[in-house]
């Protein structure tokens, strides 16, 4: 269970609690901070895609390209996806070495990060 504001409701009505997935992702050694969010699929608010945005420790990936880092993270996320039901699987991964925007209490501003992801998707 998690916060009601953060719950992702899939098209078929299943509830996905991001905190459950974030807890598993937090065990990755290179992960600094991460959030799991639902991004509208092709602009359809009723059909969210489960996405992960992760900030990693650049010292752990010294000398690697962004694509190599993305592939390494994707491989680890695929292992996590195998342990959860199909509707909870993470479908899109965004990796960065920049810290995420936070509130004064140190929590990640989810809606600001969602806006950044949607803007990044629009550029593609």
C-alpha atoms as a PDB file:
ATOM      1  CA  UNK A   1       0.000   0.000   0.000  1.00  0.00           C
ATOM      2  CA  UNK A   2       1.059   3.561  -0.536  1.00  0.00           C
ATOM      3  CA  UNK A   3      -0.248   7.089  -0.813  1.00  0.00           C
ATOM      4  CA  UNK A   4      -3.553   7.496  -2.597  1.00  0.00           C
ATOM      5  CA  UNK A   5      -2.187  10.403  -4.662  1.00  0.00           C
ATOM      6  CA  UNK A   6       0.588   8.213  -6.087  1.00  0.00           C
ATOM      7  CA  UNK A   7      -1.508   5.177  -7.067  1.00  0.00           C
ATOM      8  CA  UNK A   8      -1.422   4.334 -10.776  1.00  0.00           C
ATOM      9  CA  UNK A   9      -4.713   2.866 -12.002  1.00  0.00           C
ATOM     10  CA  UNK A  10      -4.280   0.777 -15.140  1.00  0.00           C
ATOM     11  CA  UNK A  11      -6.765   0.691 -18.003  1.00  0.00           C
ATOM     12  CA  UNK A  12      -8.246  -2.564 -16.700  1.00  0.00           C
ATOM     13  CA  UNK A  13      -8.741  -1.068 -13.215  1.00  0.00           C
ATOM     14  CA  UNK A  14      -5.769  -2.643 -11.430  1.00  0.00           C
ATOM     15  CA  UNK A  15      -4.061  -0.533  -8.750  1.00  0.00           C
ATOM     16  CA  UNK A  16      -0.284  -0.179  -8.941  1.00  0.00           C
ATOM     17  CA  UNK A  17       1.435   1.213  -5.858  1.00  0.00           C
ATOM     18  CA  UNK A  18       4.718   2.864  -6.943  1.00  0.00           C
ATOM     19  CA  UNK A  19       6.215   2.521  -3.470  1.00  0.00           C
ATOM     20  CA  UNK A  20       6.263  -1.286  -3.808  1.00  0.00           C
ATOM     21  CA  UNK A  21       8.371  -1.106  -6.972  1.00  0.00           C
ATOM     22  CA  UNK A  22      10.543   1.727  -5.637  1.00  0.00           C
ATOM     23  CA  UNK A  23      11.404  -0.398  -2.607  1.00  0.00           C
ATOM     24  CA  UNK A  24      12.764  -3.161  -4.875  1.00  0.00           C
ATOM     25  CA  UNK A  25      14.650  -0.655  -7.044  1.00  0.00           C
ATOM     26  CA  UNK A  26      16.223   0.943  -3.963  1.00  0.00           C
ATOM     27  CA  UNK A  27      18.245  -2.256  -3.480  1.00  0.00           C
ATOM     28  CA  UNK A  28      20.246  -1.578  -6.672  1.00  0.00           C
ATOM     29  CA  UNK A  29      23.770  -0.463  -5.658  1.00  0.00           C
ATOM     30  CA  UNK A  30      24.088   2.404  -8.162  1.00  0.00           C
ATOM     31  CA  UNK A  31      20.654   3.899  -7.510  1.00  0.00           C
ATOM     32  CA  UNK A  32      20.718   7.321  -5.805  1.00  0.00           C
ATOM     33  CA  UNK A  33      17.022   8.136  -6.091  1.00  0.00           C
ATOM     34  CA  UNK A  34      14.146   6.886  -8.184  1.00  0.00           C
ATOM     35  CA  UNK A  35      10.450   7.300  -8.759  1.00  0.00           C
ATOM     36  CA  UNK A  36       7.874   5.098 -10.454  1.00  0.00           C
ATOM     37  CA  UNK A  37       5.074   7.031 -12.143  1.00  0.00           C
ATOM     38  CA  UNK A  38       2.251   6.516 -14.607  1.00  0.00           C
ATOM     39  CA  UNK A  39       2.677   8.506 -17.820  1.00  0.00           C
ATOM     40  CA  UNK A  40      -0.327   8.895 -20.164  1.00  0.00           C
ATOM     41  CA  UNK A  41       0.078   6.520 -23.117  1.00  0.00           C
ATOM     42  CA  UNK A  42      -0.100   8.592 -26.319  1.00  0.00           C
ATOM     43  CA  UNK A  43      -1.942  11.331 -24.425  1.00  0.00           C
ATOM     44  CA  UNK A  44      -4.621   8.981 -23.054  1.00  0.00           C
ATOM     45  CA  UNK A  45      -4.979   9.719 -19.319  1.00  0.00           C
ATOM     46  CA  UNK A  46      -6.995   6.500 -18.796  1.00  0.00           C
ATOM     47  CA  UNK A  47      -4.210   4.268 -20.095  1.00  0.00           C
ATOM     48  CA  UNK A  48      -1.024   5.059 -18.126  1.00  0.00           C
ATOM     49  CA  UNK A  49       2.334   3.456 -18.860  1.00  0.00           C
ATOM     50  CA  UNK A  50       4.385   2.510 -15.783  1.00  0.00           C
ATOM     51  CA  UNK A  51       7.695   4.384 -16.026  1.00  0.00           C
ATOM     52  CA  UNK A  52      10.817   4.574 -13.913  1.00  0.00           C
ATOM     53  CA  UNK A  53      13.000   7.644 -13.592  1.00  0.00           C
ATOM     54  CA  UNK A  54      16.261   6.894 -11.828  1.00  0.00           C
ATOM     55  CA  UNK A  55      19.186   9.058 -10.828  1.00  0.00           C
ATOM     56  CA  UNK A  56      22.348   6.951 -10.636  1.00  0.00           C
ATOM     57  CA  UNK A  57      25.760   7.375  -9.064  1.00  0.00           C
ATOM     58  CA  UNK A  58      28.098   8.472 -11.906  1.00  0.00           C
ATOM     59  CA  UNK A  59      31.133   7.021 -10.091  1.00  0.00           C
ATOM     60  CA  UNK A  60      29.657   3.517 -10.439  1.00  0.00           C
ATOM     61  CA  UNK A  61      29.494   3.871 -14.241  1.00  0.00           C
ATOM     62  CA  UNK A  62      32.730   5.727 -14.900  1.00  0.00           C
ATOM     63  CA  UNK A  63      33.830   5.487 -18.534  1.00  0.00           C
ATOM     64  CA  UNK A  64      30.497   4.144 -19.830  1.00  0.00           C
ATOM     65  CA  UNK A  65      28.230   5.808 -22.368  1.00  0.00           C
ATOM     66  CA  UNK A  66      24.626   6.784 -21.629  1.00  0.00           C
ATOM     67  CA  UNK A  67      23.375   3.869 -23.768  1.00  0.00           C
ATOM     68  CA  UNK A  68      25.536   1.348 -21.883  1.00  0.00           C
ATOM     69  CA  UNK A  69      24.250   2.703 -18.565  1.00  0.00           C
ATOM     70  CA  UNK A  70      20.640   2.534 -19.802  1.00  0.00           C
ATOM     71  CA  UNK A  71      21.147  -1.082 -20.931  1.00  0.00           C
ATOM     72  CA  UNK A  72      22.653  -2.066 -17.554  1.00  0.00           C
ATOM     73  CA  UNK A  73      19.738  -0.489 -15.676  1.00  0.00           C
ATOM     74  CA  UNK A  74      17.214  -2.063 -18.076  1.00  0.00           C
ATOM     75  CA  UNK A  75      18.711  -5.510 -17.432  1.00  0.00           C
ATOM     76  CA  UNK A  76      18.316  -5.083 -13.672  1.00  0.00           C
ATOM     77  CA  UNK A  77      14.769  -3.743 -14.056  1.00  0.00           C
ATOM     78  CA  UNK A  78      13.896  -6.734 -16.245  1.00  0.00           C
ATOM     79  CA  UNK A  79      14.923  -9.012 -13.357  1.00  0.00           C
ATOM     80  CA  UNK A  80      12.600  -7.054 -11.050  1.00  0.00           C
ATOM     81  CA  UNK A  81       9.807  -7.194 -13.675  1.00  0.00           C
ATOM     82  CA  UNK A  82      10.012 -10.996 -13.679  1.00  0.00           C
ATOM     83  CA  UNK A  83       9.080 -11.051  -9.979  1.00  0.00           C
ATOM     84  CA  UNK A  84       5.949  -8.875 -10.226  1.00  0.00           C
ATOM     85  CA  UNK A  85       2.589  -9.435 -11.948  1.00  0.00           C
ATOM     86  CA  UNK A  86       2.337  -8.378 -15.607  1.00  0.00           C
ATOM     87  CA  UNK A  87       0.217  -5.298 -14.894  1.00  0.00           C
ATOM     88  CA  UNK A  88       2.846  -3.913 -12.469  1.00  0.00           C
ATOM     89  CA  UNK A  89       5.793  -4.181 -14.851  1.00  0.00           C
ATOM     90  CA  UNK A  90       7.892  -1.136 -15.672  1.00  0.00           C
ATOM     91  CA  UNK A  91       7.728  -0.417 -19.401  1.00  0.00           C
ATOM     92  CA  UNK A  92       9.817   2.733 -19.807  1.00  0.00           C
ATOM     93  CA  UNK A  93      13.070   3.660 -18.126  1.00  0.00           C
ATOM     94  CA  UNK A  94      14.667   7.091 -17.911  1.00  0.00           C
ATOM     95  CA  UNK A  95      18.132   7.321 -16.387  1.00  0.00           C
ATOM     96  CA  UNK A  96      20.038  10.438 -15.431  1.00  0.00           C
ATOM     97  CA  UNK A  97      22.957  11.439 -13.264  1.00  0.00           C
ATOM     98  CA  UNK A  98      21.277  14.740 -12.335  1.00  0.00           C
ATOM     99  CA  UNK A  99      19.468  14.914  -8.984  1.00  0.00           C
ATOM    100  CA  UNK A 100      15.695  15.182  -9.087  1.00  0.00           C
ATOM    101  CA  UNK A 101      13.778  18.234  -7.945  1.00  0.00           C
ATOM    102  CA  UNK A 102      12.854  17.987  -4.268  1.00  0.00           C
ATOM    103  CA  UNK A 103      10.630  19.669  -1.704  1.00  0.00           C
ATOM    104  CA  UNK A 104      12.017  21.410   1.364  1.00  0.00           C
ATOM    105  CA  UNK A 105      11.628  18.125   3.279  1.00  0.00           C
ATOM    106  CA  UNK A 106      13.757  16.225   0.757  1.00  0.00           C
ATOM    107  CA  UNK A 107      10.996  14.313  -1.040  1.00  0.00           C
ATOM    108  CA  UNK A 108      11.029  14.081  -4.833  1.00  0.00           C
ATOM    109  CA  UNK A 109       8.460  16.355  -6.506  1.00  0.00           C
ATOM    110  CA  UNK A 110       6.633  13.670  -8.456  1.00  0.00           C
ATOM    111  CA  UNK A 111       4.481  15.985 -10.545  1.00  0.00           C
ATOM    112  CA  UNK A 112       7.471  18.106 -11.598  1.00  0.00           C
ATOM    113  CA  UNK A 113       9.314  14.943 -12.648  1.00  0.00           C
ATOM    114  CA  UNK A 114       6.236  13.692 -14.533  1.00  0.00           C
ATOM    115  CA  UNK A 115       6.139  17.005 -16.418  1.00  0.00           C
ATOM    116  CA  UNK A 116       9.816  16.583 -17.335  1.00  0.00           C
ATOM    117  CA  UNK A 117       9.226  13.030 -18.588  1.00  0.00           C
ATOM    118  CA  UNK A 118       6.194  14.089 -20.664  1.00  0.00           C
ATOM    119  CA  UNK A 119       8.215  16.970 -22.148  1.00  0.00           C
ATOM    120  CA  UNK A 120      11.059  14.551 -22.950  1.00  0.00           C
ATOM    121  CA  UNK A 121       8.568  12.203 -24.650  1.00  0.00           C
ATOM    122  CA  UNK A 122       7.157  15.089 -26.709  1.00  0.00           C
ATOM    123  CA  UNK A 123      10.659  15.877 -28.021  1.00  0.00           C
ATOM    124  CA  UNK A 124      11.061  12.327 -29.395  1.00  0.00           C
END
